[in-house]
Amino acid sequence: MNRTFRPRSRRLASAVAVAAAAALVLAGCSSSSGGKEAEDADSGVSAGKASTPRMTIAMVTHAPSGDTFWDTIRKGAEVAAAKDNVKLIYSNDETAADQASLVQNAIDQKVDGIAVTLAKPDAMKDVVAKAVKAGIPVVGLNAGMSDWQKQGLLSFFGQDEAISGEALGTKLNDTGAKHALCVVQVQGAVNLEQRCAGVEKGFKGKTDKLYVNGADMPSVKSTITAKLKQDSSIDQVVTLGAPIALTAAQSIDETGSKAKIATFDLNKELITAIEDGSIEFAVDQQPYLQGYLAVDSLWLYKNNGNYMGGGEAPILTGPAFVDKSNVETIGQFAAKGTR
């Protein structure tokens, strides 16, 4: 994987501009030059069908079982794969060592490209280096914005978690909240820690952190419930995923707490919760777009030598706030499983 330019400037403004340029690239790939149009029956999204040779891409994530957020990432990847004549091999494991083993499996299968999340980058760097050494192009998505360049990835698609967390924290200043509880569902996940750190930076009140086991929702509920009973001064709960937010709402009902809930990420049920007021708002990082762009970028690299972001800047897919002012519009897409 030869790369002849790698300037180090990574300004946010540049990243935003690159994201806009990427959208133009995608529009071009769906034009008449891409072949006949096809429609994905599940999502209702239309896209052109590439006539390029079949290629195989592996997507390996740290997704825990049962988290609907990752279903949206996968759907975006599958739609891009169908459009680009790509065989997509999707696998996931929340344990870093096992995720690394899945990447090694992809290397052993001699895939044409790998899309990977780097929630625990130190555990992934050796196997990513093996993929790069084997000449397999690798892109990152969702988690790993601080490490994708250091590990030799072509591009990265996601949100700046620190900036997103700070934006959420700043928004809380307008709600009158004084004491926030940031709930982390996977201890040691860099992207989640960055979110909480950002919230604490942006929020003028007090911020506490609570670790829960996101793979065990009854445990999540009991842990949050116990904390709310222990400290009645908590008037704001910040969760880092939609399923955790919905479980936190149950804890608030059970304890009679007056705390409000804000969260990162969406699903269909969370849209309803925003509509009925049990959740204040959510930060949307557009996971469908992350999955779609990761696959499409590898197709573009193989077939036209393109680097999304030029190997210099990440492609930002968020943050965007979803609240009562726009939830009806966004909800139409969430109902399809694409937001």
Foldseek 3Di string as FASTA:
>chain_A
DDADDADADADPVLLQVLLVVVVVVQVVCQDVQQADKDADVLQRDIGAAHPDDEFEEEEEELDDPPALLVVQLVVLLVVLCRRLNYHYHYDYHNDLLVSLVVLVVVVVVVGQAYEYAPQPVVSNLVSLLVCVVSVRAYEYEAHDQVCCLVSPHLAYEWADLLCLLLVVLQVVQVVPFAEEEEEAQDPSRVSSVSSQNSNCVNHPHHYHYHYFNNNDLVRLLVRLLVVCVVDLSHAEYEYEGDVSQVSNLVSCVVNVHNHAYEYEDDALVVLVCLQVRNHAKYWYQQSSVRSNCRNNQSSCCVPPVDRSSSNHYHNGSDGDMDHNVCSVVVSVSNVSSRD
